[in-house]
Every structure is written in structure tokens, then in C-alpha cells.
Amino acid sequence: MNQDREQPPAEPRFFCDSMLGRLAKWLRLCGFFADYRPALSDWQLLTHCRDQGLVLLTRDRALVRRWPVTRGYVEALLIESDDYREQLRQLLGELDLSPREKPYC
């Protein structure tokens, strides 16, 4: 086996905060891992994202400012729209992703 061959980048895995439950459902239908636990506190969800290597998806600007996401602890994407269709377009466009053929179950 050739050890020098580059591996394709890992598929991103997401965590949708409590404002993005519908987006989590649609991400799963598009074949992506999308964790959603609305009962978690901000600290718990940020710690969970960091520990599991999940990309945090949030509409909460204050949450992004409070946590040192820019220092590599948690990768986060601030979702701009209230509409789940626009949210999905933004996410897929910014991360250059395409829906998969099979839903993530």
C-alpha cells in the first residue's frame, strides 16, 4: 500500500445550535452528519463541538464572539438567514459542498 498517497479531506460534521433545528434535519436529508441538542447550554455545546471536531452552525453572533473560535478551538459558521432553504444554500455554498445521494440516518 502506498503511504504517500494523499487522503481526501474528511467530510465536515456539524452541530446545529438550538436556533437551527430545521437546518439539522435538512442537512441529514442531504447526507451530512448534523448533531442537534437544543437542551445544551452554550458552554456544553461549544465543549461538545471542540471535543468531537464538529463545525458549529449558529445564528447567535454573541455566542461566536464569546468563544475563541478564531483560535482553532471550535470551527464555526454564522448562519445569516431565518429561512432554512437560505441557510442550506449558504452552508453548501460557503463550504463548497454538494448533497449526497443517501440521507444520514
Protein backbone atom coordinates (compact mmCIF):
# COMPACT_ATOMS: atom_id res chain seq x y z
CA MET A 1 0.00 0.00 0.00
CA ASN A 2 1.35 3.41 -0.97
CA GLN A 3 1.74 5.56 2.17
CA ASP A 4 2.50 8.73 0.15
CA ARG A 5 -0.96 8.94 -1.40
CA GLU A 6 -2.94 11.89 -0.10
CA GLN A 7 -6.21 11.13 1.63
CA PRO A 8 -9.25 13.14 0.59
CA PRO A 9 -10.29 15.72 3.17
CA ALA A 10 -12.66 14.43 5.82
CA GLU A 11 -16.33 15.22 5.35
CA PRO A 12 -17.36 18.04 7.69
CA ARG A 13 -19.61 17.09 10.60
CA PHE A 14 -21.93 19.71 12.01
CA PHE A 15 -23.58 20.80 15.23
CA CYS A 16 -26.66 22.99 14.85
CA ASP A 17 -27.46 25.18 17.84
CA SER A 18 -30.99 25.48 19.25
CA MET A 19 -31.98 28.05 16.58
CA LEU A 20 -31.24 25.68 13.70
CA GLY A 21 -33.24 22.50 14.28
CA ARG A 22 -34.83 22.58 10.84
CA LEU A 23 -31.41 23.04 9.21
CA ALA A 24 -30.14 19.98 11.12
CA LYS A 25 -32.97 17.91 9.66
CA TRP A 26 -32.26 19.08 6.11
CA LEU A 27 -28.52 18.50 6.48
CA ARG A 28 -29.25 14.90 7.46
CA LEU A 29 -31.56 14.53 4.47
CA CYS A 30 -28.68 15.82 2.31
CA GLY A 31 -26.43 13.08 3.73
CA PHE A 32 -24.41 15.02 6.30
CA PHE A 33 -23.88 14.32 10.00
CA ALA A 34 -25.73 17.06 11.91
CA ASP A 35 -25.97 16.87 15.69
CA TYR A 36 -28.76 18.84 17.32
CA ARG A 37 -29.33 19.03 21.07
CA PRO A 38 -31.38 22.10 21.96
CA ALA A 39 -31.17 21.48 25.71
CA LEU A 40 -27.39 22.01 25.88
CA SER A 41 -26.09 25.23 27.38
CA ASP A 42 -23.76 27.37 25.26
CA TRP A 43 -20.76 26.11 27.22
CA GLN A 44 -21.81 22.47 26.79
CA LEU A 45 -22.40 22.77 23.05
CA LEU A 46 -19.09 24.56 22.48
CA THR A 47 -17.22 21.96 24.52
CA HIS A 48 -19.02 19.16 22.63
CA CYS A 49 -18.10 20.73 19.26
CA ARG A 50 -14.47 21.08 20.31
CA ASP A 51 -14.21 17.54 21.67
CA GLN A 52 -15.96 15.91 18.69
CA GLY A 53 -14.42 18.08 15.95
CA LEU A 54 -17.81 19.41 14.85
CA VAL A 55 -18.39 22.61 12.91
CA LEU A 56 -20.73 24.79 14.94
CA LEU A 57 -23.60 26.28 12.95
CA THR A 58 -25.29 29.16 14.75
CA ARG A 59 -27.30 32.33 14.26
CA ASP A 60 -26.09 33.65 17.65
CA ARG A 61 -23.49 36.36 16.99
CA ALA A 62 -22.82 36.79 20.71
CA LEU A 63 -22.05 33.08 21.08
CA VAL A 64 -19.43 33.27 18.34
CA ARG A 65 -17.85 36.35 19.98
CA ARG A 66 -17.79 34.80 23.47
CA TRP A 67 -15.88 31.67 22.48
CA PRO A 68 -12.39 31.77 20.92
CA VAL A 69 -13.48 30.18 17.63
CA THR A 70 -10.84 32.11 15.71
CA ARG A 71 -8.05 30.44 17.68
CA GLY A 72 -8.89 26.98 16.44
CA TYR A 73 -10.84 25.71 19.41
CA VAL A 74 -14.14 25.47 17.55
CA GLU A 75 -14.78 26.00 13.87
CA ALA A 76 -17.99 27.96 13.47
CA LEU A 77 -20.15 29.33 10.70
CA LEU A 78 -22.55 32.16 11.44
CA ILE A 79 -25.78 31.46 9.57
CA GLU A 80 -27.38 34.66 8.30
CA SER A 81 -30.96 33.82 7.30
CA ASP A 82 -34.05 32.75 9.24
CA ASP A 83 -35.19 30.63 6.29
CA TYR A 84 -33.90 27.04 6.29
CA ARG A 85 -33.61 26.99 2.48
CA GLU A 86 -31.36 30.06 2.53
CA GLN A 87 -29.43 28.57 5.47
CA LEU A 88 -28.78 25.40 3.48
CA ARG A 89 -27.73 27.39 0.39
CA GLN A 90 -25.34 29.49 2.48
CA LEU A 91 -23.75 26.47 4.14
CA LEU A 92 -23.36 24.41 0.98
CA GLY A 93 -22.06 27.44 -0.93
CA GLU A 94 -19.56 28.67 1.65
CA LEU A 95 -18.15 25.19 2.29
CA ASP A 96 -18.36 24.12 -1.37
CA LEU A 97 -20.42 21.03 -0.56
CA SER A 98 -22.98 19.08 -2.56
CA PRO A 99 -25.86 16.99 -1.20
CA ARG A 100 -25.18 13.25 -1.03
CA GLU A 101 -27.34 10.58 -2.61
CA LYS A 102 -28.19 8.91 0.71
CA PRO A 103 -29.58 10.63 3.80
CA TYR A 104 -27.59 10.42 7.02
CA CYS A 105 -29.62 8.22 9.37
